[in-house]
PDB file of N, CA and C in Angstrom:
ATOM      1  N   MET A   1      53.855 165.028 117.962  1.00  0.00           N
ATOM      2  CA  MET A   1      52.609 165.873 117.740  1.00  0.00           C
ATOM      3  C   MET A   1      52.291 166.421 119.019  1.00  0.00           C
ATOM      4  N   SER A   2      52.131 167.716 119.220  1.00  0.00           N
ATOM      5  CA  SER A   2      51.605 168.162 120.295  1.00  0.00           C
ATOM      6  C   SER A   2      50.292 167.956 120.789  1.00  0.00           C
ATOM      7  N   ASP A   3      50.417 168.382 122.333  1.00  0.00           N
ATOM      8  CA  ASP A   3      48.784 168.307 122.829  1.00  0.00           C
ATOM      9  C   ASP A   3      47.857 169.204 121.984  1.00  0.00           C
ATOM     10  N   GLU A   4      48.333 170.211 121.506  1.00  0.00           N
ATOM     11  CA  GLU A   4      47.389 171.256 120.602  1.00  0.00           C
ATOM     12  C   GLU A   4      47.242 170.403 119.568  1.00  0.00           C
ATOM     13  N   LYS A   5      47.711 169.858 118.852  1.00  0.00           N
ATOM     14  CA  LYS A   5      47.488 169.319 117.540  1.00  0.00           C
ATOM     15  C   LYS A   5      46.289 168.037 117.877  1.00  0.00           C
ATOM     16  N   THR A   6      46.684 167.530 118.927  1.00  0.00           N
ATOM     17  CA  THR A   6      45.884 166.346 119.335  1.00  0.00           C
ATOM     18  C   THR A   6      44.452 167.087 119.609  1.00  0.00           C
ATOM     19  N   ARG A   7      44.337 167.963 120.404  1.00  0.00           N
ATOM     20  CA  ARG A   7      43.069 168.678 120.863  1.00  0.00           C
ATOM     21  C   ARG A   7      42.448 169.096 119.374  1.00  0.00           C
ATOM     22  N   GLU A   8      43.303 169.534 118.576  1.00  0.00           N
ATOM     23  CA  GLU A   8      42.460 169.840 117.143  1.00  0.00           C
ATOM     24  C   GLU A   8      41.984 168.683 116.608  1.00  0.00           C
ATOM     25  N   LEU A   9      42.526 167.750 116.485  1.00  0.00           N
ATOM     26  CA  LEU A   9      41.891 166.521 115.838  1.00  0.00           C
ATOM     27  C   LEU A   9      40.882 165.948 116.678  1.00  0.00           C
ATOM     28  N   LEU A  10      40.857 166.094 117.836  1.00  0.00           N
ATOM     29  CA  LEU A  10      39.618 165.745 118.959  1.00  0.00           C
ATOM     30  C   LEU A  10      38.418 166.693 118.512  1.00  0.00           C
ATOM     31  N   ALA A  11      38.698 167.812 118.289  1.00  0.00           N
ATOM     32  CA  ALA A  11      37.493 169.000 117.657  1.00  0.00           C
ATOM     33  C   ALA A  11      37.177 168.416 116.427  1.00  0.00           C
ATOM     34  N   GLU A  12      37.809 168.047 115.302  1.00  0.00           N
ATOM     35  CA  GLU A  12      37.552 167.738 114.329  1.00  0.00           C
ATOM     36  C   GLU A  12      36.682 166.259 114.304  1.00  0.00           C
ATOM     37  N   LEU A  13      37.132 165.505 115.233  1.00  0.00           N
ATOM     38  CA  LEU A  13      36.556 164.244 115.429  1.00  0.00           C
ATOM     39  C   LEU A  13      34.993 164.333 116.036  1.00  0.00           C
ATOM     40  N   ARG A  14      34.924 165.397 117.114  1.00  0.00           N
ATOM     41  CA  ARG A  14      33.794 165.870 117.507  1.00  0.00           C
ATOM     42  C   ARG A  14      32.639 166.331 116.434  1.00  0.00           C
ATOM     43  N   GLN A  15      33.143 167.158 115.661  1.00  0.00           N
ATOM     44  CA  GLN A  15      32.509 167.887 114.675  1.00  0.00           C
ATOM     45  C   GLN A  15      32.099 166.673 113.622  1.00  0.00           C
ATOM     46  N   GLU A  16      32.616 165.533 113.348  1.00  0.00           N
ATOM     47  CA  GLU A  16      32.468 164.690 112.556  1.00  0.00           C
ATOM     48  C   GLU A  16      31.201 163.848 113.209  1.00  0.00           C
ATOM     49  N   LEU A  17      31.364 163.647 114.419  1.00  0.00           N
ATOM     50  CA  LEU A  17      30.200 162.694 114.894  1.00  0.00           C
ATOM     51  C   LEU A  17      29.120 163.465 115.060  1.00  0.00           C
ATOM     52  N   GLN A  18      29.274 164.683 115.346  1.00  0.00           N
ATOM     53  CA  GLN A  18      27.934 165.539 115.408  1.00  0.00           C
ATOM     54  C   GLN A  18      27.229 165.684 114.013  1.00  0.00           C
ATOM     55  N   ALA A  19      28.164 165.950 113.176  1.00  0.00           N
ATOM     56  CA  ALA A  19      27.389 165.916 111.567  1.00  0.00           C
ATOM     57  C   ALA A  19      26.720 164.649 111.271  1.00  0.00           C
ATOM     58  N   ALA A  20      27.315 163.606 111.722  1.00  0.00           N
ATOM     59  CA  ALA A  20      26.553 162.307 111.614  1.00  0.00           C
ATOM     60  C   ALA A  20      25.407 161.857 112.707  1.00  0.00           C
ATOM     61  N   GLY A  21      25.284 162.793 113.650  1.00  0.00           N
ATOM     62  CA  GLY A  21      24.179 162.666 114.680  1.00  0.00           C
ATOM     63  C   GLY A  21      24.624 161.553 115.575  1.00  0.00           C
ATOM     64  N   GLU A  22      25.834 161.213 115.847  1.00  0.00           N
ATOM     65  CA  GLU A  22      26.318 159.859 116.379  1.00  0.00           C
ATOM     66  C   GLU A  22      26.852 160.244 117.593  1.00  0.00           C
ATOM     67  N   LEU A  23      26.833 161.386 118.307  1.00  0.00           N
ATOM     68  CA  LEU A  23      27.467 161.862 119.626  1.00  0.00           C
ATOM     69  C   LEU A  23      26.894 161.093 120.672  1.00  0.00           C
ATOM     70  N   ASP A  24      27.071 159.885 121.092  1.00  0.00           N
ATOM     71  CA  ASP A  24      26.193 159.170 122.201  1.00  0.00           C
ATOM     72  C   ASP A  24      26.884 159.486 123.571  1.00  0.00           C
ATOM     73  N   PRO A  25      26.058 159.227 124.590  1.00  0.00           N
ATOM     74  CA  PRO A  25      26.865 159.750 125.924  1.00  0.00           C
ATOM     75  C   PRO A  25      28.178 159.047 126.001  1.00  0.00           C
ATOM     76  N   ALA A  26      28.337 157.777 125.869  1.00  0.00           N
ATOM     77  CA  ALA A  26      29.586 157.249 125.977  1.00  0.00           C
ATOM     78  C   ALA A  26      30.650 157.732 125.235  1.00  0.00           C
ATOM     79  N   VAL A  27      30.373 158.311 124.019  1.00  0.00           N
ATOM     80  CA  VAL A  27      31.562 158.627 123.207  1.00  0.00           C
ATOM     81  C   VAL A  27      31.908 160.086 123.586  1.00  0.00           C
ATOM     82  N   ARG A  28      30.701 160.857 124.099  1.00  0.00           N
ATOM     83  CA  ARG A  28      31.001 162.137 124.637  1.00  0.00           C
ATOM     84  C   ARG A  28      31.940 162.095 126.075  1.00  0.00           C
ATOM     85  N   GLN A  29      31.567 161.170 126.758  1.00  0.00           N
ATOM     86  CA  GLN A  29      32.418 160.820 127.996  1.00  0.00           C
ATOM     87  C   GLN A  29      33.738 160.476 127.534  1.00  0.00           C
ATOM     88  N   LEU A  30      34.205 159.620 126.671  1.00  0.00           N
ATOM     89  CA  LEU A  30      35.489 159.352 126.280  1.00  0.00           C
ATOM     90  C   LEU A  30      36.228 160.727 125.893  1.00  0.00           C
ATOM     91  N   LEU A  31      35.607 161.396 124.929  1.00  0.00           N
ATOM     92  CA  LEU A  31      35.960 162.709 124.519  1.00  0.00           C
ATOM     93  C   LEU A  31      36.569 163.800 125.490  1.00  0.00           C
ATOM     94  N   LYS A  32      35.790 163.887 126.673  1.00  0.00           N
ATOM     95  CA  LYS A  32      36.131 164.557 127.680  1.00  0.00           C
ATOM     96  C   LYS A  32      36.948 164.180 128.643  1.00  0.00           C
ATOM     97  N   GLU A  33      37.233 162.606 128.695  1.00  0.00           N
ATOM     98  CA  GLU A  33      38.346 162.049 129.465  1.00  0.00           C
ATOM     99  C   GLU A  33      39.626 162.045 128.778  1.00  0.00           C
ATOM    100  N   ILE A  34      39.684 162.236 127.287  1.00  0.00           N
ATOM    101  CA  ILE A  34      40.750 162.483 126.623  1.00  0.00           C
ATOM    102  C   ILE A  34      41.317 163.891 126.887  1.00  0.00           C
ATOM    103  N   ASN A  35      40.611 164.594 126.792  1.00  0.00           N
ATOM    104  CA  ASN A  35      40.628 166.099 126.951  1.00  0.00           C
ATOM    105  C   ASN A  35      41.634 166.330 128.568  1.00  0.00           C
ATOM    106  N   SER A  36      40.776 165.756 129.350  1.00  0.00           N
ATOM    107  CA  SER A  36      41.114 165.683 130.760  1.00  0.00           C
ATOM    108  C   SER A  36      42.494 165.319 130.793  1.00  0.00           C
ATOM    109  N   ASP A  37      42.898 163.829 130.291  1.00  0.00           N
ATOM    110  CA  ASP A  37      44.179 163.347 130.127  1.00  0.00           C
ATOM    111  C   ASP A  37      45.150 164.218 129.736  1.00  0.00           C
ATOM    112  N   LEU A  38      44.929 164.847 128.551  1.00  0.00           N
ATOM    113  CA  LEU A  38      45.820 165.866 127.881  1.00  0.00           C
ATOM    114  C   LEU A  38      46.075 166.924 129.024  1.00  0.00           C
ATOM    115  N   ASP A  39      45.015 167.596 129.430  1.00  0.00           N
ATOM    116  CA  ASP A  39      45.333 168.490 130.582  1.00  0.00           C
ATOM    117  C   ASP A  39      46.426 168.049 131.659  1.00  0.00           C
ATOM    118  N   LYS A  40      46.261 166.502 132.066  1.00  0.00           N
ATOM    119  CA  LYS A  40      47.245 166.471 133.146  1.00  0.00           C
ATOM    120  C   LYS A  40      48.153 165.686 132.415  1.00  0.00           C
ATOM    121  N   GLY A  41      48.552 165.798 131.168  1.00  0.00           N
ATOM    122  CA  GLY A  41      49.831 165.225 130.853  1.00  0.00           C
ATOM    123  C   GLY A  41      49.751 163.689 130.823  1.00  0.00           C
ATOM    124  N   ASN A  42      48.777 163.177 131.135  1.00  0.00           N
ATOM    125  CA  ASN A  42      48.604 161.496 130.914  1.00  0.00           C
ATOM    126  C   ASN A  42      48.403 161.086 129.692  1.00  0.00           C
ATOM    127  N   HIS A  43      49.566 160.908 128.776  1.00  0.00           N
ATOM    128  CA  HIS A  43      49.475 160.516 127.592  1.00  0.00           C
ATOM    129  C   HIS A  43      49.203 159.057 127.358  1.00  0.00           C
ATOM    130  N   VAL A  44      49.451 158.121 128.494  1.00  0.00           N
ATOM    131  CA  VAL A  44      49.169 156.742 128.220  1.00  0.00           C
ATOM    132  C   VAL A  44      47.713 156.586 128.420  1.00  0.00           C
ATOM    133  N   SER A  45      46.940 157.295 129.179  1.00  0.00           N
ATOM    134  CA  SER A  45      45.375 157.103 129.170  1.00  0.00           C
ATOM    135  C   SER A  45      44.854 157.593 127.928  1.00  0.00           C
ATOM    136  N   THR A  46      45.498 158.789 127.504  1.00  0.00           N
ATOM    137  CA  THR A  46      45.030 159.203 126.080  1.00  0.00           C
ATOM    138  C   THR A  46      45.021 158.275 125.020  1.00  0.00           C
ATOM    139  N   LEU A  47      46.163 157.416 124.987  1.00  0.00           N
ATOM    140  CA  LEU A  47      46.100 156.502 124.186  1.00  0.00           C
ATOM    141  C   LEU A  47      45.471 155.427 124.326  1.00  0.00           C
ATOM    142  N   GLU A  48      44.888 154.993 125.308  1.00  0.00           N
ATOM    143  CA  GLU A  48      44.338 153.928 125.559  1.00  0.00           C
ATOM    144  C   GLU A  48      42.574 154.426 125.012  1.00  0.00           C
ATOM    145  N   ARG A  49      42.319 155.516 125.583  1.00  0.00           N
ATOM    146  CA  ARG A  49      41.056 155.970 124.977  1.00  0.00           C
ATOM    147  C   ARG A  49      41.196 156.147 123.648  1.00  0.00           C
ATOM    148  N   ALA A  50      41.871 156.583 123.057  1.00  0.00           N
ATOM    149  CA  ALA A  50      41.796 157.150 121.675  1.00  0.00           C
ATOM    150  C   ALA A  50      41.596 155.524 120.788  1.00  0.00           C
ATOM    151  N   LYS A  51      42.263 154.470 121.295  1.00  0.00           N
ATOM    152  CA  LYS A  51      42.248 153.151 121.040  1.00  0.00           C
ATOM    153  C   LYS A  51      40.615 152.754 121.046  1.00  0.00           C
ATOM    154  N   GLU A  52      40.275 152.838 121.981  1.00  0.00           N
ATOM    155  CA  GLU A  52      38.815 152.578 122.485  1.00  0.00           C
ATOM    156  C   GLU A  52      37.663 153.126 121.379  1.00  0.00           C
ATOM    157  N   LEU A  53      38.025 154.507 121.140  1.00  0.00           N
ATOM    158  CA  LEU A  53      37.226 155.336 120.100  1.00  0.00           C
ATOM    159  C   LEU A  53      37.365 154.601 118.816  1.00  0.00           C
ATOM    160  N   GLU A  54      38.686 154.258 118.503  1.00  0.00           N
ATOM    161  CA  GLU A  54      38.895 153.830 117.012  1.00  0.00           C
ATOM    162  C   GLU A  54      38.068 152.283 116.836  1.00  0.00           C
ATOM    163  N   THR A  55      38.027 151.720 118.014  1.00  0.00           N
ATOM    164  CA  THR A  55      37.365 150.460 117.845  1.00  0.00           C
ATOM    165  C   THR A  55      35.817 150.532 117.879  1.00  0.00           C
ATOM    166  N   ARG A  56      35.473 151.722 118.555  1.00  0.00           N
ATOM    167  CA  ARG A  56      33.913 151.846 118.561  1.00  0.00           C
ATOM    168  C   ARG A  56      33.698 152.320 116.980  1.00  0.00           C
ATOM    169  N   PHE A  57      34.392 153.081 116.258  1.00  0.00           N
ATOM    170  CA  PHE A  57      33.913 153.596 114.983  1.00  0.00           C
ATOM    171  C   PHE A  57      34.340 152.643 114.054  1.00  0.00           C
ATOM    172  N   ALA A  58      34.930 151.547 113.988  1.00  0.00           N
ATOM    173  CA  ALA A  58      35.554 150.736 112.874  1.00  0.00           C
ATOM    174  C   ALA A  58      34.402 150.493 111.980  1.00  0.00           C
ATOM    175  N   ALA A  59      33.331 150.048 112.303  1.00  0.00           N
ATOM    176  CA  ALA A  59      32.196 149.518 111.317  1.00  0.00           C
ATOM    177  C   ALA A  59      31.292 150.767 110.821  1.00  0.00           C
ATOM    178  N   ASN A  60      31.039 151.664 111.669  1.00  0.00           N
ATOM    179  CA  ASN A  60      30.004 152.509 111.187  1.00  0.00           C
ATOM    180  C   ASN A  60      30.514 153.994 111.027  1.00  0.00           C
ATOM    181  N   HIS A  61      31.738 154.254 111.552  1.00  0.00           N
ATOM    182  CA  HIS A  61      32.101 155.743 111.119  1.00  0.00           C
ATOM    183  C   HIS A  61      33.433 155.653 110.730  1.00  0.00           C
ATOM    184  N   PRO A  62      33.745 155.660 109.317  1.00  0.00           N
ATOM    185  CA  PRO A  62      34.932 155.390 108.704  1.00  0.00           C
ATOM    186  C   PRO A  62      35.684 156.814 109.074  1.00  0.00           C
ATOM    187  N   VAL A  63      35.209 157.875 108.758  1.00  0.00           N
ATOM    188  CA  VAL A  63      35.877 159.084 109.145  1.00  0.00           C
ATOM    189  C   VAL A  63      36.625 159.285 110.396  1.00  0.00           C
ATOM    190  N   ALA A  64      35.516 159.171 111.153  1.00  0.00           N
ATOM    191  CA  ALA A  64      35.838 159.203 112.655  1.00  0.00           C
ATOM    192  C   ALA A  64      37.072 158.142 113.058  1.00  0.00           C
ATOM    193  N   GLU A  65      36.894 156.866 112.582  1.00  0.00           N
ATOM    194  CA  GLU A  65      37.847 155.986 112.948  1.00  0.00           C
ATOM    195  C   GLU A  65      39.443 156.425 112.310  1.00  0.00           C
ATOM    196  N   ARG A  66      39.130 156.909 111.277  1.00  0.00           N
ATOM    197  CA  ARG A  66      40.489 157.455 110.564  1.00  0.00           C
ATOM    198  C   ARG A  66      41.050 158.780 111.281  1.00  0.00           C
ATOM    199  N   ILE A  67      40.472 159.653 112.035  1.00  0.00           N
ATOM    200  CA  ILE A  67      40.537 160.650 112.848  1.00  0.00           C
ATOM    201  C   ILE A  67      41.413 160.019 114.193  1.00  0.00           C
ATOM    202  N   ALA A  68      40.667 159.069 114.839  1.00  0.00           N
ATOM    203  CA  ALA A  68      41.229 158.351 115.850  1.00  0.00           C
ATOM    204  C   ALA A  68      42.421 157.535 115.522  1.00  0.00           C
ATOM    205  N   ARG A  69      42.384 157.230 114.361  1.00  0.00           N
ATOM    206  CA  ARG A  69      44.039 156.469 114.217  1.00  0.00           C
ATOM    207  C   ARG A  69      44.871 157.258 113.836  1.00  0.00           C
ATOM    208  N   VAL A  70      44.678 158.400 113.552  1.00  0.00           N
ATOM    209  CA  VAL A  70      45.630 159.764 113.400  1.00  0.00           C
ATOM    210  C   VAL A  70      46.305 159.955 114.753  1.00  0.00           C
ATOM    211  N   ILE A  71      45.296 160.249 115.621  1.00  0.00           N
ATOM    212  CA  ILE A  71      45.591 160.486 117.107  1.00  0.00           C
ATOM    213  C   ILE A  71      46.310 159.697 117.646  1.00  0.00           C
ATOM    214  N   ILE A  72      46.276 158.238 117.201  1.00  0.00           N
ATOM    215  CA  ILE A  72      46.787 157.267 118.162  1.00  0.00           C
ATOM    216  C   ILE A  72      48.564 157.210 117.606  1.00  0.00           C
ATOM    217  N   ASP A  73      48.586 157.187 116.198  1.00  0.00           N
ATOM    218  CA  ASP A  73      49.750 157.157 115.221  1.00  0.00           C
ATOM    219  C   ASP A  73      50.450 158.500 115.959  1.00  0.00           C
ATOM    220  N   SER A  74      50.008 159.802 116.080  1.00  0.00           N
ATOM    221  CA  SER A  74      50.695 160.935 116.521  1.00  0.00           C
ATOM    222  C   SER A  74      51.267 160.570 117.882  1.00  0.00           C
ATOM    223  N   LEU A  75      50.382 160.158 118.944  1.00  0.00           N
ATOM    224  CA  LEU A  75      50.726 159.844 120.120  1.00  0.00           C
ATOM    225  C   LEU A  75      52.025 158.761 120.155  1.00  0.00           C
ATOM    226  N   GLY A  76      51.917 157.741 119.122  1.00  0.00           N
ATOM    227  CA  GLY A  76      53.024 157.125 119.004  1.00  0.00           C
ATOM    228  C   GLY A  76      54.298 157.699 118.892  1.00  0.00           C
ATOM    229  N   LYS A  77      54.257 158.355 117.717  1.00  0.00           N
ATOM    230  CA  LYS A  77      55.373 159.206 117.466  1.00  0.00           C
ATOM    231  C   LYS A  77      56.105 160.123 118.318  1.00  0.00           C
ATOM    232  N   MET A  78      55.023 160.621 119.555  1.00  0.00           N
ATOM    233  CA  MET A  78      55.537 161.027 120.802  1.00  0.00           C
ATOM    234  C   MET A  78      56.413 160.214 121.601  1.00  0.00           C
ATOM    235  N   GLY A  79      56.486 159.215 121.286  1.00  0.00           N
ATOM    236  CA  GLY A  79      57.089 157.901 122.152  1.00  0.00           C
ATOM    237  C   GLY A  79      56.145 157.456 123.279  1.00  0.00           C
ATOM    238  N   ILE A  80      54.726 157.703 122.883  1.00  0.00           N
ATOM    239  CA  ILE A  80      53.839 157.206 123.989  1.00  0.00           C
ATOM    240  C   ILE A  80      53.329 155.592 123.575  1.00  0.00           C
TER     241      ILE A  80
END
């Protein structure tokens, strides 16, 4: 998966969270850091942060968790 596809998934995740009214400052910061990691080509940090998002969403945001899991799986397919 390309960085562009990852960015599309992040945008979908952001929209899902905004629709649920749950874009808290910590999540907003994580999303910002993931985008920054992608800009720098730091895929290892991207993967770690995506896993943190998935953990945060497991109980309360099943759609957001699914999107985070797709990002993680995609990064794994890239060999990260």
